[in-house]
């Protein structure tokens, strides 16, 4: 399940249900839950940290993405060894370099196969990562990301 935080943190509903529903992709029709690979049993957590500069500028922010696997939390590796779109970090909510790097990194955690990832991560970037609302905190299950990957692979032309 994908969950996007509501824009207004003071609102009674903490989740933006419409955005969450639009980005959730279910594997139920494709696989029995027992057939899910271990690599899909992860969670991704993205959040924005607002900060002040010494000059008083309060409009600066840092976006961070963590990976949760087997009860351990760590920063999501950038995977610039495969493609270096943005060595400065990961981002979402737009169709630029930081979100392209995030798309690649998320798919590598779930598929662990560069040959497969390189064929679909640009589409995943535009259809999923760029559509996560800017400056929103969010979570995504590995099973949702796997479902997105499998769906995108079905759209590919057959390999020679």
N, C-alpha and C. Protein backbone atom coordinates (compact mmCIF):
# COMPACT_ATOMS: atom_id res chain seq x y z
N UNK A 1 0.84 -1.17 0.00
CA UNK A 1 0.00 0.00 0.00
C UNK A 1 0.89 1.24 0.00
N UNK A 2 0.52 2.20 -0.80
CA UNK A 2 1.21 3.48 -0.84
C UNK A 2 0.39 4.46 -0.01
N UNK A 3 1.06 5.22 0.85
CA UNK A 3 0.36 6.23 1.64
C UNK A 3 1.09 7.56 1.50
N UNK A 4 0.32 8.58 1.16
CA UNK A 4 0.82 9.93 1.01
C UNK A 4 0.24 10.77 2.15
N UNK A 5 1.09 11.51 2.83
CA UNK A 5 0.62 12.35 3.93
C UNK A 5 -0.23 13.49 3.38
N UNK A 6 -1.24 13.90 4.16
CA UNK A 6 -2.09 15.03 3.78
C UNK A 6 -1.25 16.30 3.74
N UNK A 7 -1.61 17.21 2.86
CA UNK A 7 -0.86 18.47 2.74
C UNK A 7 -0.93 19.29 4.02
N UNK A 8 -2.11 19.35 4.62
CA UNK A 8 -2.29 20.12 5.86
C UNK A 8 -2.13 19.19 7.05
N UNK A 9 -1.07 19.37 7.81
CA UNK A 9 -0.83 18.47 8.91
C UNK A 9 -1.83 18.63 10.04
N UNK A 10 -2.57 19.73 10.07
CA UNK A 10 -3.58 19.94 11.09
C UNK A 10 -4.93 19.35 10.72
N UNK A 11 -5.05 18.77 9.53
CA UNK A 11 -6.34 18.24 9.11
C UNK A 11 -6.64 16.95 9.87
N UNK A 12 -7.93 16.63 10.06
CA UNK A 12 -8.27 15.41 10.80
C UNK A 12 -7.84 14.14 10.09
N UNK A 13 -7.77 14.15 8.76
CA UNK A 13 -7.33 12.99 8.01
C UNK A 13 -5.85 13.16 7.69
N UNK A 14 -5.01 12.32 8.24
CA UNK A 14 -3.57 12.46 8.06
C UNK A 14 -3.07 11.94 6.72
N UNK A 15 -3.91 11.18 6.02
CA UNK A 15 -3.53 10.58 4.74
C UNK A 15 -4.31 11.22 3.60
N UNK A 16 -3.61 11.53 2.52
CA UNK A 16 -4.25 12.01 1.29
C UNK A 16 -4.73 10.76 0.56
N UNK A 17 -5.99 10.40 0.80
CA UNK A 17 -6.54 9.14 0.28
C UNK A 17 -6.53 9.09 -1.25
N UNK A 18 -6.86 10.18 -1.91
CA UNK A 18 -6.92 10.18 -3.38
C UNK A 18 -5.54 9.93 -3.99
N UNK A 19 -4.53 10.65 -3.51
CA UNK A 19 -3.17 10.44 -4.02
C UNK A 19 -2.68 9.03 -3.72
N UNK A 20 -2.97 8.55 -2.52
CA UNK A 20 -2.54 7.20 -2.13
C UNK A 20 -3.18 6.15 -3.03
N UNK A 21 -4.47 6.28 -3.29
CA UNK A 21 -5.19 5.32 -4.14
C UNK A 21 -4.64 5.34 -5.56
N UNK A 22 -4.33 6.52 -6.09
CA UNK A 22 -3.83 6.65 -7.46
C UNK A 22 -2.48 5.99 -7.66
N UNK A 23 -1.68 5.91 -6.61
CA UNK A 23 -0.33 5.37 -6.75
C UNK A 23 -0.20 3.92 -6.27
N UNK A 24 -1.24 3.37 -5.66
CA UNK A 24 -1.19 1.99 -5.19
C UNK A 24 -1.43 1.04 -6.36
N UNK A 25 -0.61 0.02 -6.45
CA UNK A 25 -0.73 -0.98 -7.51
C UNK A 25 -0.72 -2.34 -6.83
N UNK A 26 -1.76 -3.11 -7.00
CA UNK A 26 -1.92 -4.36 -6.27
C UNK A 26 -1.42 -5.56 -7.07
N UNK A 27 -0.83 -6.50 -6.34
CA UNK A 27 -0.37 -7.74 -6.94
C UNK A 27 -1.40 -8.85 -6.85
N UNK A 28 -2.52 -8.60 -6.20
CA UNK A 28 -3.49 -9.66 -5.95
C UNK A 28 -3.89 -10.42 -7.21
N UNK A 29 -4.09 -9.70 -8.28
CA UNK A 29 -4.53 -10.36 -9.51
C UNK A 29 -3.39 -11.15 -10.18
N UNK A 30 -2.15 -10.83 -9.84
CA UNK A 30 -1.01 -11.46 -10.51
C UNK A 30 -0.42 -12.64 -9.75
N UNK A 31 -0.30 -12.49 -8.44
CA UNK A 31 0.42 -13.49 -7.67
C UNK A 31 -0.30 -13.83 -6.38
N UNK A 32 -0.14 -15.04 -5.95
CA UNK A 32 -0.58 -15.39 -4.59
C UNK A 32 0.42 -14.76 -3.63
N UNK A 33 -0.01 -14.35 -2.46
CA UNK A 33 0.90 -13.67 -1.53
C UNK A 33 2.11 -14.53 -1.20
N UNK A 34 1.96 -15.85 -1.22
CA UNK A 34 3.09 -16.73 -0.92
C UNK A 34 4.14 -16.69 -2.02
N UNK A 35 3.76 -16.22 -3.20
CA UNK A 35 4.70 -16.18 -4.32
C UNK A 35 5.51 -14.89 -4.38
N UNK A 36 5.25 -13.97 -3.46
CA UNK A 36 6.01 -12.73 -3.45
C UNK A 36 7.47 -13.02 -3.14
N UNK A 37 8.35 -12.41 -3.88
CA UNK A 37 9.77 -12.64 -3.63
C UNK A 37 10.18 -11.92 -2.35
N UNK A 38 11.23 -12.41 -1.75
CA UNK A 38 11.75 -11.78 -0.52
C UNK A 38 12.15 -10.34 -0.79
N UNK A 39 12.61 -10.05 -2.01
CA UNK A 39 13.05 -8.69 -2.32
C UNK A 39 11.89 -7.70 -2.31
N UNK A 40 10.65 -8.19 -2.44
CA UNK A 40 9.51 -7.28 -2.40
C UNK A 40 9.02 -7.04 -0.98
N UNK A 41 9.56 -7.76 -0.02
CA UNK A 41 9.14 -7.61 1.37
C UNK A 41 9.95 -6.52 2.05
N UNK A 42 9.82 -5.34 1.50
CA UNK A 42 10.50 -4.15 2.02
C UNK A 42 9.49 -3.02 2.06
N UNK A 43 9.87 -1.95 2.72
CA UNK A 43 9.06 -0.74 2.70
C UNK A 43 9.99 0.44 2.45
N UNK A 44 9.47 1.42 1.74
CA UNK A 44 10.19 2.65 1.47
C UNK A 44 9.50 3.77 2.22
N UNK A 45 10.27 4.65 2.83
CA UNK A 45 9.73 5.78 3.58
C UNK A 45 10.43 7.04 3.09
N UNK A 46 9.66 7.96 2.54
CA UNK A 46 10.23 9.23 2.09
C UNK A 46 9.70 10.35 2.95
N UNK A 47 10.59 11.23 3.37
CA UNK A 47 10.11 12.38 4.14
C UNK A 47 10.95 13.60 3.87
N UNK A 48 10.34 14.72 4.15
CA UNK A 48 10.96 16.02 3.91
C UNK A 48 11.30 16.64 5.26
N UNK A 49 12.52 17.15 5.36
CA UNK A 49 12.95 17.87 6.56
C UNK A 49 13.16 19.32 6.16
N UNK A 50 12.41 20.21 6.79
CA UNK A 50 12.56 21.64 6.54
C UNK A 50 13.64 22.18 7.46
N UNK A 51 14.42 23.12 6.96
CA UNK A 51 15.51 23.69 7.76
C UNK A 51 15.67 25.17 7.50
N UNK A 52 16.29 25.83 8.45
CA UNK A 52 16.59 27.26 8.34
C UNK A 52 18.08 27.43 8.04
N UNK A 53 18.38 28.36 7.20
CA UNK A 53 19.77 28.73 6.95
C UNK A 53 20.17 29.79 7.97
N UNK A 54 21.45 30.01 8.09
CA UNK A 54 21.94 31.01 9.03
C UNK A 54 21.40 32.40 8.72
N UNK A 55 21.09 32.66 7.44
CA UNK A 55 20.56 33.97 7.06
C UNK A 55 19.06 34.08 7.32
N UNK A 56 18.46 33.04 7.89
CA UNK A 56 17.04 33.08 8.22
C UNK A 56 16.12 32.51 7.15
N UNK A 57 16.67 32.08 6.02
CA UNK A 57 15.85 31.50 4.96
C UNK A 57 15.21 30.21 5.47
N UNK A 58 13.89 30.15 5.47
CA UNK A 58 13.18 28.98 6.00
C UNK A 58 12.60 28.10 4.89
N UNK A 59 12.91 28.38 3.66
CA UNK A 59 12.31 27.64 2.55
C UNK A 59 13.18 26.51 2.03
N UNK A 60 14.18 26.13 2.79
CA UNK A 60 15.06 25.06 2.34
C UNK A 60 14.59 23.73 2.91
N UNK A 61 14.77 22.68 2.13
CA UNK A 61 14.35 21.37 2.60
C UNK A 61 15.29 20.29 2.06
N UNK A 62 15.31 19.19 2.77
CA UNK A 62 16.05 18.02 2.35
C UNK A 62 15.06 16.87 2.27
N UNK A 63 15.17 16.08 1.22
CA UNK A 63 14.30 14.92 1.06
C UNK A 63 15.15 13.68 1.29
N UNK A 64 14.63 12.78 2.11
CA UNK A 64 15.37 11.57 2.44
C UNK A 64 14.46 10.36 2.25
N UNK A 65 15.06 9.26 1.81
CA UNK A 65 14.31 8.03 1.62
C UNK A 65 15.03 6.92 2.38
N UNK A 66 14.24 6.21 3.18
CA UNK A 66 14.77 5.09 3.94
C UNK A 66 14.15 3.79 3.47
N UNK A 67 14.89 2.73 3.66
CA UNK A 67 14.47 1.38 3.31
C UNK A 67 14.31 0.61 4.62
N UNK A 68 13.18 -0.08 4.75
CA UNK A 68 12.94 -0.92 5.92
C UNK A 68 12.88 -2.36 5.44
N UNK A 69 13.77 -3.18 5.97
CA UNK A 69 13.83 -4.59 5.59
C UNK A 69 14.24 -5.40 6.82
N UNK A 70 13.44 -6.44 7.11
CA UNK A 70 13.72 -7.33 8.23
C UNK A 70 13.95 -6.56 9.53
N UNK A 71 13.13 -5.54 9.76
CA UNK A 71 13.19 -4.78 11.00
C UNK A 71 14.34 -3.79 11.09
N UNK A 72 15.11 -3.64 10.03
CA UNK A 72 16.23 -2.70 10.03
C UNK A 72 15.93 -1.54 9.10
N UNK A 73 16.33 -0.36 9.52
CA UNK A 73 16.12 0.85 8.73
C UNK A 73 17.47 1.38 8.29
N UNK A 74 17.57 1.71 7.01
CA UNK A 74 18.80 2.31 6.48
C UNK A 74 18.45 3.25 5.35
N UNK A 75 19.36 4.12 5.03
CA UNK A 75 19.15 5.01 3.89
C UNK A 75 19.11 4.20 2.61
N UNK A 76 18.22 4.57 1.71
CA UNK A 76 18.14 3.90 0.42
C UNK A 76 19.39 4.25 -0.38
N UNK A 77 20.17 3.26 -0.82
CA UNK A 77 21.36 3.56 -1.62
C UNK A 77 20.98 4.25 -2.93
N UNK A 78 21.77 5.23 -3.33
CA UNK A 78 21.48 6.00 -4.56
C UNK A 78 21.64 5.16 -5.83
N UNK A 79 22.53 4.22 -5.81
CA UNK A 79 22.85 3.38 -6.97
C UNK A 79 23.39 4.19 -8.16
N UNK A 80 24.22 5.17 -7.85
CA UNK A 80 24.88 5.94 -8.90
C UNK A 80 25.91 5.11 -9.65
N UNK A 81 26.22 3.91 -9.14
CA UNK A 81 27.12 3.01 -9.85
C UNK A 81 26.48 2.50 -11.15
N UNK A 82 25.15 2.52 -11.21
CA UNK A 82 24.43 2.03 -12.40
C UNK A 82 24.10 3.16 -13.37
N UNK A 83 23.63 4.26 -12.84
CA UNK A 83 23.34 5.46 -13.65
C UNK A 83 23.38 6.64 -12.69
N UNK A 84 24.09 7.67 -13.08
CA UNK A 84 24.31 8.81 -12.20
C UNK A 84 23.47 10.00 -12.65
N UNK A 85 22.20 9.99 -12.29
CA UNK A 85 21.32 11.10 -12.63
C UNK A 85 21.50 12.25 -11.64
N UNK A 86 21.67 11.92 -10.37
CA UNK A 86 21.76 12.96 -9.34
C UNK A 86 22.58 12.45 -8.17
N UNK A 87 23.87 12.74 -8.14
CA UNK A 87 24.72 12.26 -7.04
C UNK A 87 24.43 12.97 -5.72
N UNK A 88 23.63 14.02 -5.75
CA UNK A 88 23.35 14.78 -4.53
C UNK A 88 22.20 14.24 -3.72
N UNK A 89 21.41 13.34 -4.27
CA UNK A 89 20.34 12.78 -3.47
C UNK A 89 19.11 12.41 -4.27
N UNK A 90 18.12 11.94 -3.52
CA UNK A 90 16.88 11.46 -4.10
C UNK A 90 15.78 12.49 -3.90
N UNK A 91 14.80 12.46 -4.78
CA UNK A 91 13.70 13.42 -4.69
C UNK A 91 12.48 12.81 -5.35
N UNK A 92 11.36 13.52 -5.27
CA UNK A 92 10.11 13.06 -5.87
C UNK A 92 9.23 14.26 -6.15
N UNK A 93 8.17 14.01 -6.92
CA UNK A 93 7.19 15.06 -7.18
C UNK A 93 7.48 15.90 -8.40
N UNK A 94 8.44 15.51 -9.20
CA UNK A 94 8.74 16.22 -10.44
C UNK A 94 9.47 15.25 -11.36
N UNK A 95 9.69 15.64 -12.59
CA UNK A 95 10.29 14.72 -13.56
C UNK A 95 11.76 15.05 -13.80
N UNK A 96 12.51 15.25 -12.73
CA UNK A 96 13.91 15.62 -12.87
C UNK A 96 14.88 14.55 -12.42
N UNK A 97 16.12 14.97 -12.21
CA UNK A 97 17.21 14.04 -11.94
C UNK A 97 17.08 13.32 -10.60
N UNK A 98 16.67 14.02 -9.55
CA UNK A 98 16.55 13.38 -8.23
C UNK A 98 15.48 12.31 -8.20
N UNK A 99 14.38 12.55 -8.91
CA UNK A 99 13.32 11.55 -8.93
C UNK A 99 13.67 10.39 -9.87
N UNK A 100 14.46 10.64 -10.91
CA UNK A 100 14.94 9.55 -11.76
C UNK A 100 15.86 8.63 -10.96
N UNK A 101 16.71 9.23 -10.13
CA UNK A 101 17.61 8.43 -9.29
C UNK A 101 16.81 7.61 -8.28
N UNK A 102 15.75 8.18 -7.73
CA UNK A 102 14.90 7.46 -6.79
C UNK A 102 14.21 6.28 -7.48
N UNK A 103 13.70 6.48 -8.68
CA UNK A 103 13.04 5.40 -9.41
C UNK A 103 14.00 4.23 -9.61
N UNK A 104 15.20 4.51 -10.05
CA UNK A 104 16.21 3.49 -10.25
C UNK A 104 16.52 2.76 -8.94
N UNK A 105 16.73 3.51 -7.88
CA UNK A 105 17.11 2.92 -6.59
C UNK A 105 16.00 2.03 -6.02
N UNK A 106 14.75 2.47 -6.12
CA UNK A 106 13.63 1.68 -5.60
C UNK A 106 13.49 0.37 -6.37
N UNK A 107 13.54 0.45 -7.68
CA UNK A 107 13.39 -0.76 -8.49
C UNK A 107 14.54 -1.74 -8.28
N UNK A 108 15.75 -1.23 -8.08
CA UNK A 108 16.88 -2.12 -7.81
C UNK A 108 16.71 -2.86 -6.49
N UNK A 109 16.13 -2.20 -5.50
CA UNK A 109 15.90 -2.88 -4.22
C UNK A 109 14.89 -4.01 -4.36
N UNK A 110 13.91 -3.84 -5.23
CA UNK A 110 12.86 -4.84 -5.38
C UNK A 110 13.24 -5.92 -6.39
N UNK A 111 13.80 -5.53 -7.53
CA UNK A 111 14.12 -6.50 -8.58
C UNK A 111 15.54 -7.06 -8.50
N UNK A 112 16.48 -6.24 -8.04
CA UNK A 112 17.89 -6.63 -7.94
C UNK A 112 18.41 -7.20 -9.27
N UNK A 113 18.01 -6.54 -10.36
CA UNK A 113 18.41 -7.01 -11.69
C UNK A 113 18.50 -5.78 -12.61
N UNK A 114 19.70 -5.30 -12.84
CA UNK A 114 19.90 -4.08 -13.60
C UNK A 114 19.36 -4.20 -15.02
N UNK A 115 19.47 -5.37 -15.64
CA UNK A 115 18.96 -5.53 -17.00
C UNK A 115 17.45 -5.30 -17.06
N UNK A 116 16.73 -5.75 -16.05
CA UNK A 116 15.28 -5.52 -16.00
C UNK A 116 14.98 -4.07 -15.64
N UNK A 117 15.68 -3.56 -14.64
CA UNK A 117 15.41 -2.21 -14.14
C UNK A 117 15.67 -1.17 -15.22
N UNK A 118 16.75 -1.29 -15.95
CA UNK A 118 17.09 -0.25 -16.92
C UNK A 118 16.06 -0.11 -18.03
N UNK A 119 15.28 -1.17 -18.26
CA UNK A 119 14.25 -1.12 -19.31
C UNK A 119 12.98 -0.41 -18.85
N UNK A 120 12.76 -0.31 -17.53
CA UNK A 120 11.48 0.22 -17.05
C UNK A 120 11.59 1.42 -16.13
N UNK A 121 12.80 1.75 -15.63
CA UNK A 121 12.85 2.77 -14.60
C UNK A 121 12.47 4.17 -15.09
N UNK A 122 12.66 4.46 -16.35
CA UNK A 122 12.24 5.77 -16.85
C UNK A 122 10.71 5.89 -16.81
N UNK A 123 10.01 4.83 -17.21
CA UNK A 123 8.55 4.85 -17.13
C UNK A 123 8.09 4.90 -15.68
N UNK A 124 8.72 4.11 -14.81
CA UNK A 124 8.37 4.13 -13.39
C UNK A 124 8.59 5.52 -12.80
N UNK A 125 9.65 6.16 -13.23
CA UNK A 125 9.94 7.53 -12.81
C UNK A 125 8.77 8.46 -13.13
N UNK A 126 8.30 8.40 -14.37
CA UNK A 126 7.24 9.32 -14.79
C UNK A 126 5.87 8.94 -14.25
N UNK A 127 5.58 7.64 -14.14
CA UNK A 127 4.25 7.18 -13.75
C UNK A 127 4.06 7.06 -12.23
N UNK A 128 5.14 6.94 -11.49
CA UNK A 128 5.02 6.77 -10.04
C UNK A 128 5.75 7.89 -9.27
N UNK A 129 7.07 7.92 -9.38
CA UNK A 129 7.87 8.83 -8.54
C UNK A 129 7.53 10.30 -8.79
N UNK A 130 7.39 10.68 -10.03
CA UNK A 130 7.08 12.09 -10.34
C UNK A 130 5.69 12.49 -9.86
N UNK A 131 4.82 11.51 -9.63
CA UNK A 131 3.45 11.81 -9.21
C UNK A 131 3.26 11.81 -7.69
N UNK A 132 4.27 11.42 -6.93
CA UNK A 132 4.19 11.60 -5.48
C UNK A 132 4.21 13.10 -5.24
N UNK A 133 3.25 13.65 -4.50
CA UNK A 133 3.22 15.10 -4.34
C UNK A 133 4.52 15.66 -3.75
N UNK A 134 4.98 16.76 -4.32
CA UNK A 134 6.18 17.43 -3.82
C UNK A 134 6.01 17.78 -2.35
N UNK A 135 7.08 17.66 -1.60
CA UNK A 135 7.15 18.03 -0.19
C UNK A 135 6.26 17.17 0.71
N UNK A 136 5.71 16.07 0.19
CA UNK A 136 4.87 15.19 1.00
C UNK A 136 5.72 14.06 1.58
N UNK A 137 5.37 13.65 2.78
CA UNK A 137 5.94 12.43 3.35
C UNK A 137 5.14 11.27 2.81
N UNK A 138 5.77 10.10 2.63
CA UNK A 138 5.08 8.98 2.01
C UNK A 138 5.72 7.66 2.42
N UNK A 139 4.97 6.58 2.22
CA UNK A 139 5.48 5.22 2.37
C UNK A 139 5.00 4.39 1.19
N UNK A 140 5.75 3.36 0.86
CA UNK A 140 5.34 2.43 -0.20
C UNK A 140 5.88 1.05 0.14
N UNK A 141 5.02 0.05 0.03
CA UNK A 141 5.43 -1.33 0.24
C UNK A 141 6.19 -1.84 -0.99
N UNK A 142 7.14 -2.71 -0.76
CA UNK A 142 7.86 -3.33 -1.86
C UNK A 142 6.94 -4.09 -2.81
N UNK A 143 5.84 -4.64 -2.27
CA UNK A 143 4.91 -5.37 -3.13
C UNK A 143 4.24 -4.44 -4.13
N UNK A 144 3.97 -3.19 -3.74
CA UNK A 144 3.41 -2.22 -4.69
C UNK A 144 4.43 -1.90 -5.78
N UNK A 145 5.67 -1.74 -5.37
CA UNK A 145 6.71 -1.41 -6.35
C UNK A 145 6.93 -2.58 -7.30
N UNK A 146 6.89 -3.80 -6.76
CA UNK A 146 7.00 -4.98 -7.61
C UNK A 146 5.82 -5.05 -8.58
N UNK A 147 4.63 -4.75 -8.12
CA UNK A 147 3.46 -4.75 -9.01
C UNK A 147 3.63 -3.73 -10.13
N UNK A 148 4.12 -2.54 -9.80
CA UNK A 148 4.40 -1.54 -10.83
C UNK A 148 5.41 -2.09 -11.84
N UNK A 149 6.48 -2.70 -11.34
CA UNK A 149 7.52 -3.23 -12.23
C UNK A 149 6.96 -4.30 -13.16
N UNK A 150 6.19 -5.22 -12.61
CA UNK A 150 5.61 -6.28 -13.45
C UNK A 150 4.66 -5.71 -14.50
N UNK A 151 3.88 -4.72 -14.10
CA UNK A 151 2.96 -4.08 -15.05
C UNK A 151 3.74 -3.38 -16.17
N UNK A 152 4.79 -2.67 -15.82
CA UNK A 152 5.59 -1.97 -16.83
C UNK A 152 6.29 -2.96 -17.75
N UNK A 153 6.73 -4.10 -17.21
CA UNK A 153 7.38 -5.10 -18.06
C UNK A 153 6.40 -5.69 -19.07
N UNK A 154 5.12 -5.78 -18.72
CA UNK A 154 4.15 -6.32 -19.68
C UNK A 154 3.95 -5.36 -20.86
N UNK A 155 4.27 -4.10 -20.68
CA UNK A 155 4.10 -3.11 -21.74
C UNK A 155 5.29 -3.06 -22.69
N UNK A 156 6.37 -3.74 -22.33
CA UNK A 156 7.59 -3.72 -23.16
C UNK A 156 7.40 -4.58 -24.40
N UNK A 157 8.03 -4.18 -25.51
CA UNK A 157 8.02 -5.07 -26.67
C UNK A 157 8.85 -6.31 -26.34
N UNK A 158 8.51 -7.42 -26.95
CA UNK A 158 9.27 -8.67 -26.71
C UNK A 158 10.71 -8.49 -27.15
N UNK A 159 11.61 -9.05 -26.36
CA UNK A 159 13.04 -8.99 -26.70
C UNK A 159 13.34 -9.93 -27.85
N UNK A 160 14.32 -9.57 -28.69
CA UNK A 160 14.69 -10.44 -29.82
C UNK A 160 15.31 -11.73 -29.34
